[in-house]
Amino acid sequence: MSRKDHFHKPDDRLESRLTELSVHMACGKLHGPTPADHQFRDVLPWQSCRCEDQPASSGLDVDEVLGLCVLCGRGIAETGPTRFSWFACQTCKSANNTLKDVWGVRPFALGRHSLMNGNAIKSGASQAEVCEGVGMLMAHIHGFRELDQWHKREWQRVAGQARDLFGGVEDVPLSRWRAELPESLEASADAMGRFLGRDDVLEALTGW
């Protein structure tokens, strides 16, 4: 059976209402038809959020191709549908790498797979190296949970801003979302600073 054979279509009423991938205001996830030019359009023609009665399923590692950034809640993350995908937008990923250069440590593990975050246990590693690697893996798992909880809280704040712009709509087309609430270095620094409890993030990123 091919991957495409695994796909389950969404509810017909929802499919007729959403004409493009959109931000669902109730949960902060994206749902709707996958962009026509996306490389996984054939195997995941529709992306669901957890609020749907019959979420679409593809049989892939992750049933989504795009999502809101787990950190700033504004930018768009290339989330999947593979395990080698990102939780964060490009601006937050770049800021995370810059902070590693400035502080000597990367504050966030933003890759879905541990290898993307520089965490791997090499073949032939000593027992001490294995223990260190396992410790890093456990720390990353804990970090993922913290990011998930953060995203849920942060969405409430971002959703308040969005409702001021878009009113009481149920869904916001992704094209409009990007135009009105684009990712930015300031938004990334603000979110990272509040997450970390630091007020020097923007200074570290810009040098002033």
C-alpha atoms as a PDB file:
ATOM      1  CA  MET A   1       0.000   0.000   0.000  1.00  0.00           C
ATOM      2  CA  SER A   2       1.403   3.391  -0.955  1.00  0.00           C
ATOM      3  CA  ARG A   3       1.619   6.419   1.307  1.00  0.00           C
ATOM      4  CA  LYS A   4      -1.121   8.075  -0.707  1.00  0.00           C
ATOM      5  CA  ASP A   5      -3.447   5.139   0.021  1.00  0.00           C
ATOM      6  CA  HIS A   6      -3.200   5.952   3.737  1.00  0.00           C
ATOM      7  CA  PHE A   7      -4.692   9.421   3.343  1.00  0.00           C
ATOM      8  CA  HIS A   8      -8.122  10.076   4.843  1.00  0.00           C
ATOM      9  CA  LYS A   9     -10.077  13.074   3.602  1.00  0.00           C
ATOM     10  CA  PRO A  10     -11.469  15.687   6.009  1.00  0.00           C
ATOM     11  CA  ASP A  11     -15.110  16.486   6.611  1.00  0.00           C
ATOM     12  CA  ASP A  12     -16.749  17.641   3.352  1.00  0.00           C
ATOM     13  CA  ARG A  13     -18.240  20.780   4.914  1.00  0.00           C
ATOM     14  CA  LEU A  14     -14.862  21.918   6.194  1.00  0.00           C
ATOM     15  CA  GLU A  15     -13.220  21.122   2.862  1.00  0.00           C
ATOM     16  CA  SER A  16     -15.735  23.298   1.026  1.00  0.00           C
ATOM     17  CA  ARG A  17     -15.301  26.220   3.474  1.00  0.00           C
ATOM     18  CA  LEU A  18     -11.501  26.463   3.582  1.00  0.00           C
ATOM     19  CA  THR A  19      -9.948  27.305   0.231  1.00  0.00           C
ATOM     20  CA  GLU A  20      -6.371  27.696   1.512  1.00  0.00           C
ATOM     21  CA  LEU A  21      -4.285  26.661   4.486  1.00  0.00           C
ATOM     22  CA  SER A  22      -5.467  28.790   7.413  1.00  0.00           C
ATOM     23  CA  VAL A  23      -4.765  29.526  11.063  1.00  0.00           C
ATOM     24  CA  HIS A  24      -7.503  28.044  13.212  1.00  0.00           C
ATOM     25  CA  MET A  25      -8.066  30.652  15.906  1.00  0.00           C
ATOM     26  CA  ALA A  26      -9.405  28.172  18.442  1.00  0.00           C
ATOM     27  CA  CYS A  27      -6.142  26.256  18.753  1.00  0.00           C
ATOM     28  CA  GLY A  28      -3.409  28.108  16.830  1.00  0.00           C
ATOM     29  CA  LYS A  29      -2.794  25.250  14.426  1.00  0.00           C
ATOM     30  CA  LEU A  30      -2.998  25.341  10.628  1.00  0.00           C
ATOM     31  CA  HIS A  31      -5.580  23.434   8.663  1.00  0.00           C
ATOM     32  CA  GLY A  32      -6.853  23.438   5.135  1.00  0.00           C
ATOM     33  CA  PRO A  33      -5.596  22.405   1.690  1.00  0.00           C
ATOM     34  CA  THR A  34      -1.836  22.011   1.373  1.00  0.00           C
ATOM     35  CA  PRO A  35      -0.301  24.685  -0.912  1.00  0.00           C
ATOM     36  CA  ALA A  36      -0.430  23.510  -4.508  1.00  0.00           C
ATOM     37  CA  ASP A  37       3.330  23.915  -4.995  1.00  0.00           C
ATOM     38  CA  HIS A  38       4.357  22.066  -1.835  1.00  0.00           C
ATOM     39  CA  GLN A  39       6.505  18.987  -2.388  1.00  0.00           C
ATOM     40  CA  PHE A  40       4.238  16.793  -0.211  1.00  0.00           C
ATOM     41  CA  ARG A  41       0.951  17.949  -1.744  1.00  0.00           C
ATOM     42  CA  ASP A  42       0.365  14.560  -3.380  1.00  0.00           C
ATOM     43  CA  VAL A  43       0.569  12.546  -0.162  1.00  0.00           C
ATOM     44  CA  LEU A  44      -0.880  15.165   2.207  1.00  0.00           C
ATOM     45  CA  PRO A  45      -3.366  17.262   0.190  1.00  0.00           C
ATOM     46  CA  TRP A  46      -5.121  18.408   3.367  1.00  0.00           C
ATOM     47  CA  GLN A  47      -3.644  19.363   6.735  1.00  0.00           C
ATOM     48  CA  SER A  48      -5.843  18.992   9.818  1.00  0.00           C
ATOM     49  CA  CYS A  49      -5.799  20.452  13.306  1.00  0.00           C
ATOM     50  CA  ARG A  50      -6.875  18.551  16.401  1.00  0.00           C
ATOM     51  CA  CYS A  51     -10.230  20.355  16.492  1.00  0.00           C
ATOM     52  CA  GLU A  52     -11.555  18.597  13.387  1.00  0.00           C
ATOM     53  CA  ASP A  53     -14.019  15.767  13.909  1.00  0.00           C
ATOM     54  CA  GLN A  54     -12.190  13.552  11.431  1.00  0.00           C
ATOM     55  CA  PRO A  55      -8.567  14.741  11.145  1.00  0.00           C
ATOM     56  CA  ALA A  56      -6.848  13.883   7.886  1.00  0.00           C
ATOM     57  CA  SER A  57      -4.138  11.254   8.160  1.00  0.00           C
ATOM     58  CA  SER A  58      -1.349  10.501   5.695  1.00  0.00           C
ATOM     59  CA  GLY A  59       0.675   7.676   7.234  1.00  0.00           C
ATOM     60  CA  LEU A  60       3.758   9.945   7.205  1.00  0.00           C
ATOM     61  CA  ASP A  61       5.889  10.781  10.250  1.00  0.00           C
ATOM     62  CA  VAL A  62       3.937  14.000  10.883  1.00  0.00           C
ATOM     63  CA  ASP A  63       0.548  14.958   9.464  1.00  0.00           C
ATOM     64  CA  GLU A  64       1.423  18.572   8.709  1.00  0.00           C
ATOM     65  CA  VAL A  65       3.626  20.498   6.313  1.00  0.00           C
ATOM     66  CA  LEU A  66       3.500  23.971   7.893  1.00  0.00           C
ATOM     67  CA  GLY A  67       2.784  25.288  11.370  1.00  0.00           C
ATOM     68  CA  LEU A  68       3.046  28.372  13.523  1.00  0.00           C
ATOM     69  CA  CYS A  69       6.437  28.825  15.161  1.00  0.00           C
ATOM     70  CA  VAL A  70       6.568  27.146  18.569  1.00  0.00           C
ATOM     71  CA  LEU A  71       8.476  30.131  20.004  1.00  0.00           C
ATOM     72  CA  CYS A  72       7.131  33.410  18.617  1.00  0.00           C
ATOM     73  CA  GLY A  73       3.743  32.048  17.493  1.00  0.00           C
ATOM     74  CA  ARG A  74       3.799  34.363  14.476  1.00  0.00           C
ATOM     75  CA  GLY A  75       6.298  33.041  11.959  1.00  0.00           C
ATOM     76  CA  ILE A  76       5.731  29.876   9.939  1.00  0.00           C
ATOM     77  CA  ALA A  77       7.706  26.704  10.575  1.00  0.00           C
ATOM     78  CA  GLU A  78       8.463  24.116   7.906  1.00  0.00           C
ATOM     79  CA  THR A  79       7.226  21.420  10.260  1.00  0.00           C
ATOM     80  CA  GLY A  80       7.080  18.307   8.164  1.00  0.00           C
ATOM     81  CA  PRO A  81       5.815  15.855   7.322  1.00  0.00           C
ATOM     82  CA  THR A  82       9.109  14.166   8.192  1.00  0.00           C
ATOM     83  CA  ARG A  83      10.804  13.636  11.530  1.00  0.00           C
ATOM     84  CA  PHE A  84      13.653  15.816  10.177  1.00  0.00           C
ATOM     85  CA  SER A  85      11.644  19.035  10.342  1.00  0.00           C
ATOM     86  CA  TRP A  86      11.555  22.200  12.417  1.00  0.00           C
ATOM     87  CA  PHE A  87       9.332  23.523  15.186  1.00  0.00           C
ATOM     88  CA  ALA A  88      10.337  27.153  14.625  1.00  0.00           C
ATOM     89  CA  CYS A  89      10.320  29.819  11.935  1.00  0.00           C
ATOM     90  CA  GLN A  90      13.493  30.808  10.117  1.00  0.00           C
ATOM     91  CA  THR A  91      13.931  33.990  12.181  1.00  0.00           C
ATOM     92  CA  CYS A  92      13.741  32.123  15.495  1.00  0.00           C
ATOM     93  CA  LYS A  93      16.088  29.415  14.197  1.00  0.00           C
ATOM     94  CA  SER A  94      18.640  32.018  13.121  1.00  0.00           C
ATOM     95  CA  ALA A  95      18.297  33.870  16.430  1.00  0.00           C
ATOM     96  CA  ASN A  96      18.805  30.611  18.312  1.00  0.00           C
ATOM     97  CA  ASN A  97      22.049  29.982  16.430  1.00  0.00           C
ATOM     98  CA  THR A  98      23.232  33.546  17.011  1.00  0.00           C
ATOM     99  CA  LEU A  99      22.655  33.181  20.745  1.00  0.00           C
ATOM    100  CA  LYS A 100      24.823  30.070  20.703  1.00  0.00           C
ATOM    101  CA  ASP A 101      27.645  32.107  19.159  1.00  0.00           C
ATOM    102  CA  VAL A 102      27.197  34.890  21.737  1.00  0.00           C
ATOM    103  CA  TRP A 103      26.438  32.859  24.878  1.00  0.00           C
ATOM    104  CA  GLY A 104      28.276  29.655  24.036  1.00  0.00           C
ATOM    105  CA  VAL A 105      25.130  27.546  24.263  1.00  0.00           C
ATOM    106  CA  ARG A 106      22.093  27.201  22.010  1.00  0.00           C
ATOM    107  CA  PRO A 107      19.076  27.929  24.257  1.00  0.00           C
ATOM    108  CA  PHE A 108      16.480  25.900  22.357  1.00  0.00           C
ATOM    109  CA  ALA A 109      16.320  22.525  20.639  1.00  0.00           C
ATOM    110  CA  LEU A 110      14.164  23.440  17.649  1.00  0.00           C
ATOM    111  CA  GLY A 111      14.661  20.382  15.445  1.00  0.00           C
ATOM    112  CA  ARG A 112      12.150  17.571  15.680  1.00  0.00           C
ATOM    113  CA  HIS A 113      14.941  14.942  15.505  1.00  0.00           C
ATOM    114  CA  SER A 114      17.781  14.905  18.047  1.00  0.00           C
ATOM    115  CA  LEU A 115      20.395  14.868  15.270  1.00  0.00           C
ATOM    116  CA  MET A 116      19.158  18.274  14.127  1.00  0.00           C
ATOM    117  CA  ASN A 117      20.035  19.628  17.560  1.00  0.00           C
ATOM    118  CA  GLY A 118      23.564  18.223  17.522  1.00  0.00           C
ATOM    119  CA  ASN A 119      22.736  15.326  19.817  1.00  0.00           C
ATOM    120  CA  ALA A 120      24.010  11.924  18.734  1.00  0.00           C
ATOM    121  CA  ILE A 121      25.681   8.905  20.308  1.00  0.00           C
ATOM    122  CA  LYS A 122      28.457   7.778  17.998  1.00  0.00           C
ATOM    123  CA  SER A 123      29.167   4.156  17.218  1.00  0.00           C
ATOM    124  CA  GLY A 124      31.887   2.843  19.485  1.00  0.00           C
ATOM    125  CA  ALA A 125      31.291   5.506  22.124  1.00  0.00           C
ATOM    126  CA  SER A 126      32.588   4.862  25.613  1.00  0.00           C
ATOM    127  CA  GLN A 127      30.225   4.228  28.489  1.00  0.00           C
ATOM    128  CA  ALA A 128      30.814   7.763  29.743  1.00  0.00           C
ATOM    129  CA  GLU A 129      30.014   9.187  26.298  1.00  0.00           C
ATOM    130  CA  VAL A 130      26.874   7.058  26.090  1.00  0.00           C
ATOM    131  CA  CYS A 131      25.729   8.297  29.500  1.00  0.00           C
ATOM    132  CA  GLU A 132      26.397  11.883  28.464  1.00  0.00           C
ATOM    133  CA  GLY A 133      24.489  11.379  25.216  1.00  0.00           C
ATOM    134  CA  VAL A 134      21.514   9.827  27.011  1.00  0.00           C
ATOM    135  CA  GLY A 135      21.502  12.738  29.439  1.00  0.00           C
ATOM    136  CA  MET A 136      21.396  15.183  26.533  1.00  0.00           C
ATOM    137  CA  LEU A 137      18.552  13.235  24.928  1.00  0.00           C
ATOM    138  CA  MET A 138      16.538  13.351  28.140  1.00  0.00           C
ATOM    139  CA  ALA A 139      17.218  17.084  28.444  1.00  0.00           C
ATOM    140  CA  HIS A 140      15.981  17.587  24.884  1.00  0.00           C
ATOM    141  CA  ILE A 141      12.803  15.619  25.597  1.00  0.00           C
ATOM    142  CA  HIS A 142      12.193  17.808  28.628  1.00  0.00           C
ATOM    143  CA  GLY A 143      12.885  20.863  26.470  1.00  0.00           C
ATOM    144  CA  PHE A 144      10.331  19.731  23.887  1.00  0.00           C
ATOM    145  CA  ARG A 145       7.698  19.444  26.608  1.00  0.00           C
ATOM    146  CA  GLU A 146       8.522  22.912  27.885  1.00  0.00           C
ATOM    147  CA  LEU A 147       8.270  24.332  24.353  1.00  0.00           C
ATOM    148  CA  ASP A 148       4.906  22.656  23.845  1.00  0.00           C
ATOM    149  CA  GLN A 149       3.557  24.159  27.072  1.00  0.00           C
ATOM    150  CA  TRP A 150       5.031  27.538  26.152  1.00  0.00           C
ATOM    151  CA  HIS A 151       3.399  27.458  22.718  1.00  0.00           C
ATOM    152  CA  LYS A 152      -0.014  26.801  24.242  1.00  0.00           C
ATOM    153  CA  ARG A 153       0.353  29.772  26.589  1.00  0.00           C
ATOM    154  CA  GLU A 154       1.928  32.031  23.968  1.00  0.00           C
ATOM    155  CA  TRP A 155      -0.854  31.301  21.523  1.00  0.00           C
ATOM    156  CA  GLN A 156      -3.346  32.920  23.889  1.00  0.00           C
ATOM    157  CA  ARG A 157      -1.324  36.140  23.782  1.00  0.00           C
ATOM    158  CA  VAL A 158      -0.822  36.062  20.005  1.00  0.00           C
ATOM    159  CA  ALA A 159      -4.477  35.177  19.459  1.00  0.00           C
ATOM    160  CA  GLY A 160      -5.483  38.313  21.370  1.00  0.00           C
ATOM    161  CA  GLN A 161      -3.394  40.434  19.002  1.00  0.00           C
ATOM    162  CA  ALA A 162      -4.800  38.564  16.015  1.00  0.00           C
ATOM    163  CA  ARG A 163      -8.417  39.116  17.064  1.00  0.00           C
ATOM    164  CA  ASP A 164      -7.769  42.846  17.233  1.00  0.00           C
ATOM    165  CA  LEU A 165      -6.672  42.655  13.584  1.00  0.00           C
ATOM    166  CA  PHE A 166      -9.020  40.046  12.160  1.00  0.00           C
ATOM    167  CA  GLY A 167     -12.087  40.270  14.374  1.00  0.00           C
ATOM    168  CA  GLY A 168     -13.990  37.222  15.512  1.00  0.00           C
ATOM    169  CA  VAL A 169     -13.302  35.044  12.484  1.00  0.00           C
ATOM    170  CA  GLU A 170     -12.889  31.304  12.980  1.00  0.00           C
ATOM    171  CA  ASP A 171     -10.005  30.922  10.541  1.00  0.00           C
ATOM    172  CA  VAL A 172      -7.443  33.338   9.075  1.00  0.00           C
ATOM    173  CA  PRO A 173      -5.997  32.484   5.637  1.00  0.00           C
ATOM    174  CA  LEU A 174      -2.259  31.947   5.932  1.00  0.00           C
ATOM    175  CA  SER A 175      -1.516  34.530   3.231  1.00  0.00           C
ATOM    176  CA  ARG A 176      -3.341  37.205   5.230  1.00  0.00           C
ATOM    177  CA  TRP A 177      -1.733  36.088   8.491  1.00  0.00           C
ATOM    178  CA  ARG A 178       1.730  36.465   7.000  1.00  0.00           C
ATOM    179  CA  ALA A 179       0.902  39.928   5.693  1.00  0.00           C
ATOM    180  CA  GLU A 180      -0.509  41.231   8.985  1.00  0.00           C
ATOM    181  CA  LEU A 181       1.600  39.336  11.562  1.00  0.00           C
ATOM    182  CA  PRO A 182       4.950  38.602   9.919  1.00  0.00           C
ATOM    183  CA  GLU A 183       7.851  37.044  11.785  1.00  0.00           C
ATOM    184  CA  SER A 184      10.486  39.522  12.914  1.00  0.00           C
ATOM    185  CA  LEU A 185      13.673  39.654  14.933  1.00  0.00           C
ATOM    186  CA  GLU A 186      11.916  41.791  17.534  1.00  0.00           C
ATOM    187  CA  ALA A 187       9.102  39.251  17.940  1.00  0.00           C
ATOM    188  CA  SER A 188      11.607  36.402  18.217  1.00  0.00           C
ATOM    189  CA  ALA A 189      13.730  38.258  20.786  1.00  0.00           C
ATOM    190  CA  ASP A 190      10.655  39.203  22.809  1.00  0.00           C
ATOM    191  CA  ALA A 191       9.391  35.614  22.949  1.00  0.00           C
ATOM    192  CA  MET A 192      12.813  34.172  23.746  1.00  0.00           C
ATOM    193  CA  GLY A 193      13.401  36.746  26.456  1.00  0.00           C
ATOM    194  CA  ARG A 194      10.104  36.009  28.170  1.00  0.00           C
ATOM    195  CA  PHE A 195      10.658  32.257  27.884  1.00  0.00           C
ATOM    196  CA  LEU A 196      14.159  32.471  29.363  1.00  0.00           C
ATOM    197  CA  GLY A 197      13.387  35.221  31.855  1.00  0.00           C
ATOM    198  CA  ARG A 198      16.102  37.454  30.353  1.00  0.00           C
ATOM    199  CA  ASP A 199      15.970  41.050  29.153  1.00  0.00           C
ATOM    200  CA  ASP A 200      19.199  41.000  27.131  1.00  0.00           C
ATOM    201  CA  VAL A 201      18.165  38.791  24.198  1.00  0.00           C
ATOM    202  CA  LEU A 202      17.670  41.571  21.644  1.00  0.00           C
ATOM    203  CA  GLU A 203      20.961  43.119  22.729  1.00  0.00           C
ATOM    204  CA  ALA A 204      22.713  39.775  22.256  1.00  0.00           C
ATOM    205  CA  LEU A 205      21.178  39.398  18.790  1.00  0.00           C
ATOM    206  CA  THR A 206      21.900  42.890  17.520  1.00  0.00           C
ATOM    207  CA  GLY A 207      24.959  43.946  19.496  1.00  0.00           C
ATOM    208  CA  TRP A 208      23.282  47.009  20.996  1.00  0.00           C
END
